[in-house]
Amino acid sequence: MAKKITDKDGNVYVQKKAWYKRWWVWVIIVLVLLFGIGSMGSDDNSTSSSSDAATESSTKSSSSSTHATSQQTAALHSAETYANDMNMSKAAILDQLTSDAGDKFAQSDAQYAVDHVKADWNKNALKSAESYQKDQDMSTEEIRDQLTSPDGDQFTQEQADYAINHLSK
């Protein structure tokens, strides 16, 4: 509200608020900020590294061609991380994606992810075997058991055999 000021001669002047003290200015500022923050979150590639961007673009192109749901795409991204960074087996990834202590994806979304993840399962088994050999001094039979165990890495027998056959002696 404008303030009325009377000078010593009796003249009345109206002093208006500064533009930045008006309520509608702040409403506009808040709306602009909310819109700006909301639009920043929609551009995933702007914060990705170049290798992540390449992975995401290949994933997006494959998922968009099959019309994947957002949950399937999210599960696929998690599956790629587990496969490529943690060298997990397909079965272990499926368990991790659906576990209550893990990602809690629906079985169908997790199955979509493991069916579409691109990974070299033999290489993952070999890297796991190398870690067991180096860090835990396990024998080749202990490594094979760990790789194929349902409570362990859950690789297939063929993948475990590949890993054992390619371990340095």
C-alpha atoms as a PDB file:
ATOM      1  CA  MET A   1       0.000   0.000   0.000  1.00  0.00           C
ATOM      2  CA  ALA A   2       1.220   3.473  -0.810  1.00  0.00           C
ATOM      3  CA  LYS A   3       2.287   5.704   2.031  1.00  0.00           C
ATOM      4  CA  LYS A   4       0.965   9.267   2.259  1.00  0.00           C
ATOM      5  CA  ILE A   5       3.482  11.887   3.247  1.00  0.00           C
ATOM      6  CA  THR A   6       2.611  15.492   4.127  1.00  0.00           C
ATOM      7  CA  ASP A   7       5.319  18.095   3.794  1.00  0.00           C
ATOM      8  CA  LYS A   8       5.654  21.189   6.017  1.00  0.00           C
ATOM      9  CA  ASP A   9       3.537  23.260   3.595  1.00  0.00           C
ATOM     10  CA  GLY A  10       0.607  20.833   3.838  1.00  0.00           C
ATOM     11  CA  ASN A  11       1.118  19.238   0.435  1.00  0.00           C
ATOM     12  CA  VAL A  12       0.295  15.524   0.383  1.00  0.00           C
ATOM     13  CA  TYR A  13       2.538  13.199  -1.580  1.00  0.00           C
ATOM     14  CA  VAL A  14       2.106   9.479  -2.182  1.00  0.00           C
ATOM     15  CA  GLN A  15       5.253   7.437  -1.695  1.00  0.00           C
ATOM     16  CA  LYS A  16       5.061   4.190  -3.615  1.00  0.00           C
ATOM     17  CA  LYS A  17       6.888   0.996  -2.675  1.00  0.00           C
ATOM     18  CA  ALA A  18      10.039   0.140  -4.557  1.00  0.00           C
ATOM     19  CA  TRP A  19       9.389  -2.283  -7.400  1.00  0.00           C
ATOM     20  CA  TYR A  20      11.177  -5.153  -5.646  1.00  0.00           C
ATOM     21  CA  LYS A  21       8.952  -4.800  -2.563  1.00  0.00           C
ATOM     22  CA  ARG A  22       5.754  -5.521  -4.441  1.00  0.00           C
ATOM     23  CA  TRP A  23       4.207  -8.961  -3.907  1.00  0.00           C
ATOM     24  CA  TRP A  24       3.631  -9.738  -7.575  1.00  0.00           C
ATOM     25  CA  VAL A  25       7.345  -9.252  -8.373  1.00  0.00           C
ATOM     26  CA  TRP A  26       8.240 -12.009  -5.916  1.00  0.00           C
ATOM     27  CA  VAL A  27       5.576 -14.337  -7.319  1.00  0.00           C
ATOM     28  CA  ILE A  28       7.098 -13.920 -10.778  1.00  0.00           C
ATOM     29  CA  ILE A  29      10.628 -14.518  -9.440  1.00  0.00           C
ATOM     30  CA  VAL A  30       9.552 -17.719  -7.654  1.00  0.00           C
ATOM     31  CA  LEU A  31       7.784 -19.021 -10.763  1.00  0.00           C
ATOM     32  CA  VAL A  32      10.804 -18.310 -12.961  1.00  0.00           C
ATOM     33  CA  LEU A  33      13.103 -20.084 -10.492  1.00  0.00           C
ATOM     34  CA  LEU A  34      10.815 -23.115 -10.237  1.00  0.00           C
ATOM     35  CA  PHE A  35      10.544 -23.338 -14.000  1.00  0.00           C
ATOM     36  CA  GLY A  36      14.327 -23.021 -14.381  1.00  0.00           C
ATOM     37  CA  ILE A  37      15.079 -25.692 -11.785  1.00  0.00           C
ATOM     38  CA  GLY A  38      12.484 -28.032 -13.270  1.00  0.00           C
ATOM     39  CA  SER A  39      13.894 -27.737 -16.767  1.00  0.00           C
ATOM     40  CA  MET A  40      17.463 -28.385 -15.572  1.00  0.00           C
ATOM     41  CA  GLY A  41      16.558 -31.855 -14.287  1.00  0.00           C
ATOM     42  CA  SER A  42      15.185 -33.025 -17.633  1.00  0.00           C
ATOM     43  CA  ASP A  43      18.511 -32.888 -19.485  1.00  0.00           C
ATOM     44  CA  ASP A  44      20.357 -36.052 -18.381  1.00  0.00           C
ATOM     45  CA  ASN A  45      23.248 -35.760 -20.851  1.00  0.00           C
ATOM     46  CA  SER A  46      24.371 -32.335 -19.603  1.00  0.00           C
ATOM     47  CA  THR A  47      25.871 -33.820 -16.416  1.00  0.00           C
ATOM     48  CA  SER A  48      27.113 -37.135 -17.793  1.00  0.00           C
ATOM     49  CA  SER A  49      30.697 -37.953 -18.585  1.00  0.00           C
ATOM     50  CA  SER A  50      31.473 -38.857 -22.157  1.00  0.00           C
ATOM     51  CA  SER A  51      31.518 -42.602 -21.486  1.00  0.00           C
ATOM     52  CA  ASP A  52      28.271 -42.407 -19.524  1.00  0.00           C
ATOM     53  CA  ALA A  53      26.739 -40.383 -22.328  1.00  0.00           C
ATOM     54  CA  ALA A  54      27.720 -43.025 -24.868  1.00  0.00           C
ATOM     55  CA  THR A  55      26.241 -45.772 -22.700  1.00  0.00           C
ATOM     56  CA  GLU A  56      23.082 -43.779 -22.099  1.00  0.00           C
ATOM     57  CA  SER A  57      22.623 -42.942 -25.748  1.00  0.00           C
ATOM     58  CA  SER A  58      22.966 -46.576 -26.783  1.00  0.00           C
ATOM     59  CA  THR A  59      20.568 -47.578 -24.025  1.00  0.00           C
ATOM     60  CA  LYS A  60      18.084 -44.879 -24.922  1.00  0.00           C
ATOM     61  CA  SER A  61      18.140 -45.827 -28.578  1.00  0.00           C
ATOM     62  CA  SER A  62      17.587 -49.489 -27.798  1.00  0.00           C
ATOM     63  CA  SER A  63      14.931 -48.823 -25.170  1.00  0.00           C
ATOM     64  CA  SER A  64      13.084 -46.287 -27.278  1.00  0.00           C
ATOM     65  CA  SER A  65      12.899 -48.688 -30.193  1.00  0.00           C
ATOM     66  CA  THR A  66      11.251 -51.296 -27.957  1.00  0.00           C
ATOM     67  CA  HIS A  67       9.079 -48.727 -26.162  1.00  0.00           C
ATOM     68  CA  ALA A  68      10.461 -49.495 -22.719  1.00  0.00           C
ATOM     69  CA  THR A  69       8.695 -48.057 -19.706  1.00  0.00           C
ATOM     70  CA  SER A  70      10.507 -45.655 -17.410  1.00  0.00           C
ATOM     71  CA  GLN A  71      10.877 -48.443 -14.823  1.00  0.00           C
ATOM     72  CA  GLN A  72      12.367 -50.799 -17.412  1.00  0.00           C
ATOM     73  CA  THR A  73      14.813 -48.098 -18.485  1.00  0.00           C
ATOM     74  CA  ALA A  74      15.782 -47.390 -14.874  1.00  0.00           C
ATOM     75  CA  ALA A  75      16.263 -51.113 -14.218  1.00  0.00           C
ATOM     76  CA  LEU A  76      18.386 -51.382 -17.368  1.00  0.00           C
ATOM     77  CA  HIS A  77      20.635 -48.529 -16.211  1.00  0.00           C
ATOM     78  CA  SER A  78      21.117 -50.262 -12.857  1.00  0.00           C
ATOM     79  CA  ALA A  79      21.775 -53.577 -14.574  1.00  0.00           C
ATOM     80  CA  GLU A  80      24.442 -51.981 -16.775  1.00  0.00           C
ATOM     81  CA  THR A  81      26.158 -50.581 -13.694  1.00  0.00           C
ATOM     82  CA  TYR A  82      26.119 -53.961 -11.954  1.00  0.00           C
ATOM     83  CA  ALA A  83      27.385 -55.744 -15.067  1.00  0.00           C
ATOM     84  CA  ASN A  84      30.032 -53.270 -16.191  1.00  0.00           C
ATOM     85  CA  ASP A  85      31.305 -51.832 -12.914  1.00  0.00           C
ATOM     86  CA  MET A  86      30.778 -54.687 -10.478  1.00  0.00           C
ATOM     87  CA  ASN A  87      31.243 -57.658 -12.847  1.00  0.00           C
ATOM     88  CA  MET A  88      28.106 -59.407 -11.635  1.00  0.00           C
ATOM     89  CA  SER A  89      26.429 -62.368 -13.319  1.00  0.00           C
ATOM     90  CA  LYS A  90      23.070 -62.185 -15.032  1.00  0.00           C
ATOM     91  CA  ALA A  91      21.353 -64.159 -12.248  1.00  0.00           C
ATOM     92  CA  ALA A  92      22.980 -62.068  -9.508  1.00  0.00           C
ATOM     93  CA  ILE A  93      21.852 -58.871 -11.245  1.00  0.00           C
ATOM     94  CA  LEU A  94      18.282 -60.165 -11.452  1.00  0.00           C
ATOM     95  CA  ASP A  95      18.364 -60.954  -7.731  1.00  0.00           C
ATOM     96  CA  GLN A  96      19.811 -57.527  -6.914  1.00  0.00           C
ATOM     97  CA  LEU A  97      17.240 -55.689  -9.018  1.00  0.00           C
ATOM     98  CA  THR A  98      14.275 -57.470  -7.396  1.00  0.00           C
ATOM     99  CA  SER A  99      15.566 -57.816  -3.841  1.00  0.00           C
ATOM    100  CA  ASP A 100      13.858 -55.975  -0.990  1.00  0.00           C
ATOM    101  CA  ALA A 101      17.356 -55.143   0.231  1.00  0.00           C
ATOM    102  CA  GLY A 102      18.340 -54.078  -3.292  1.00  0.00           C
ATOM    103  CA  ASP A 103      16.646 -52.018  -5.987  1.00  0.00           C
ATOM    104  CA  LYS A 104      13.079 -53.343  -5.428  1.00  0.00           C
ATOM    105  CA  PHE A 105      12.133 -53.380  -9.115  1.00  0.00           C
ATOM    106  CA  ALA A 106       9.169 -55.446 -10.236  1.00  0.00           C
ATOM    107  CA  GLN A 107      10.144 -58.886 -11.572  1.00  0.00           C
ATOM    108  CA  SER A 108       9.024 -57.980 -15.110  1.00  0.00           C
ATOM    109  CA  ASP A 109      11.075 -54.758 -15.169  1.00  0.00           C
ATOM    110  CA  ALA A 110      14.140 -56.540 -13.819  1.00  0.00           C
ATOM    111  CA  GLN A 111      13.728 -59.358 -16.344  1.00  0.00           C
ATOM    112  CA  TYR A 112      13.529 -56.792 -19.149  1.00  0.00           C
ATOM    113  CA  ALA A 113      16.764 -55.246 -17.870  1.00  0.00           C
ATOM    114  CA  VAL A 114      18.780 -58.480 -17.725  1.00  0.00           C
ATOM    115  CA  ASP A 115      17.431 -59.517 -21.118  1.00  0.00           C
ATOM    116  CA  HIS A 116      18.620 -56.246 -22.683  1.00  0.00           C
ATOM    117  CA  VAL A 117      21.848 -55.489 -20.808  1.00  0.00           C
ATOM    118  CA  LYS A 118      24.956 -55.757 -22.978  1.00  0.00           C
ATOM    119  CA  ALA A 119      27.710 -57.533 -21.059  1.00  0.00           C
ATOM    120  CA  ASP A 120      30.468 -60.068 -21.575  1.00  0.00           C
ATOM    121  CA  TRP A 121      29.498 -62.590 -18.892  1.00  0.00           C
ATOM    122  CA  ASN A 122      32.673 -64.658 -19.418  1.00  0.00           C
ATOM    123  CA  LYS A 123      34.770 -61.539 -18.815  1.00  0.00           C
ATOM    124  CA  ASN A 124      32.779 -60.765 -15.662  1.00  0.00           C
ATOM    125  CA  ALA A 125      33.334 -64.302 -14.367  1.00  0.00           C
ATOM    126  CA  LEU A 126      37.050 -64.035 -15.129  1.00  0.00           C
ATOM    127  CA  LYS A 127      37.388 -60.700 -13.313  1.00  0.00           C
ATOM    128  CA  SER A 128      35.596 -62.110 -10.286  1.00  0.00           C
ATOM    129  CA  ALA A 129      37.806 -65.208 -10.356  1.00  0.00           C
ATOM    130  CA  GLU A 130      40.952 -63.072 -10.589  1.00  0.00           C
ATOM    131  CA  SER A 131      39.807 -61.110  -7.561  1.00  0.00           C
ATOM    132  CA  TYR A 132      39.205 -64.290  -5.556  1.00  0.00           C
ATOM    133  CA  GLN A 133      42.597 -65.653  -6.599  1.00  0.00           C
ATOM    134  CA  LYS A 134      44.501 -62.467  -5.782  1.00  0.00           C
ATOM    135  CA  ASP A 135      42.675 -61.078  -2.758  1.00  0.00           C
ATOM    136  CA  GLN A 136      41.533 -64.250  -1.003  1.00  0.00           C
ATOM    137  CA  ASP A 137      44.113 -66.830  -2.124  1.00  0.00           C
ATOM    138  CA  MET A 138      41.375 -69.288  -3.092  1.00  0.00           C
ATOM    139  CA  SER A 139      42.107 -72.515  -4.934  1.00  0.00           C
ATOM    140  CA  THR A 140      40.684 -72.982  -8.417  1.00  0.00           C
ATOM    141  CA  GLU A 141      38.027 -75.379  -7.082  1.00  0.00           C
ATOM    142  CA  GLU A 142      37.022 -72.917  -4.375  1.00  0.00           C
ATOM    143  CA  ILE A 143      36.809 -70.193  -7.024  1.00  0.00           C
ATOM    144  CA  ARG A 144      34.669 -72.411  -9.270  1.00  0.00           C
ATOM    145  CA  ASP A 145      32.327 -73.158  -6.349  1.00  0.00           C
ATOM    146  CA  GLN A 146      32.060 -69.475  -5.456  1.00  0.00           C
ATOM    147  CA  LEU A 147      31.392 -68.460  -9.050  1.00  0.00           C
ATOM    148  CA  THR A 148      28.570 -70.986  -9.518  1.00  0.00           C
ATOM    149  CA  SER A 149      27.062 -71.001  -6.038  1.00  0.00           C
ATOM    150  CA  PRO A 150      23.435 -69.837  -5.702  1.00  0.00           C
ATOM    151  CA  ASP A 151      24.597 -67.983  -2.584  1.00  0.00           C
ATOM    152  CA  GLY A 152      27.668 -66.663  -4.405  1.00  0.00           C
ATOM    153  CA  ASP A 153      28.180 -65.094  -7.814  1.00  0.00           C
ATOM    154  CA  GLN A 154      25.627 -67.273  -9.669  1.00  0.00           C
ATOM    155  CA  PHE A 155      27.555 -67.567 -12.936  1.00  0.00           C
ATOM    156  CA  THR A 156      26.752 -70.498 -15.189  1.00  0.00           C
ATOM    157  CA  GLN A 157      29.012 -73.530 -15.176  1.00  0.00           C
ATOM    158  CA  GLU A 158      30.273 -72.585 -18.655  1.00  0.00           C
ATOM    159  CA  GLN A 159      31.159 -69.060 -17.519  1.00  0.00           C
ATOM    160  CA  ALA A 160      32.949 -70.419 -14.446  1.00  0.00           C
ATOM    161  CA  ASP A 161      34.854 -72.906 -16.628  1.00  0.00           C
ATOM    162  CA  TYR A 162      35.907 -70.073 -18.935  1.00  0.00           C
ATOM    163  CA  ALA A 163      37.133 -68.060 -15.958  1.00  0.00           C
ATOM    164  CA  ILE A 164      39.086 -70.987 -14.461  1.00  0.00           C
ATOM    165  CA  ASN A 165      40.655 -71.828 -17.830  1.00  0.00           C
ATOM    166  CA  HIS A 166      41.813 -68.228 -18.318  1.00  0.00           C
ATOM    167  CA  LEU A 167      43.184 -67.567 -14.841  1.00  0.00           C
ATOM    168  CA  SER A 168      46.904 -67.033 -14.595  1.00  0.00           C
ATOM    169  CA  LYS A 169      48.506 -70.033 -12.947  1.00  0.00           C
END
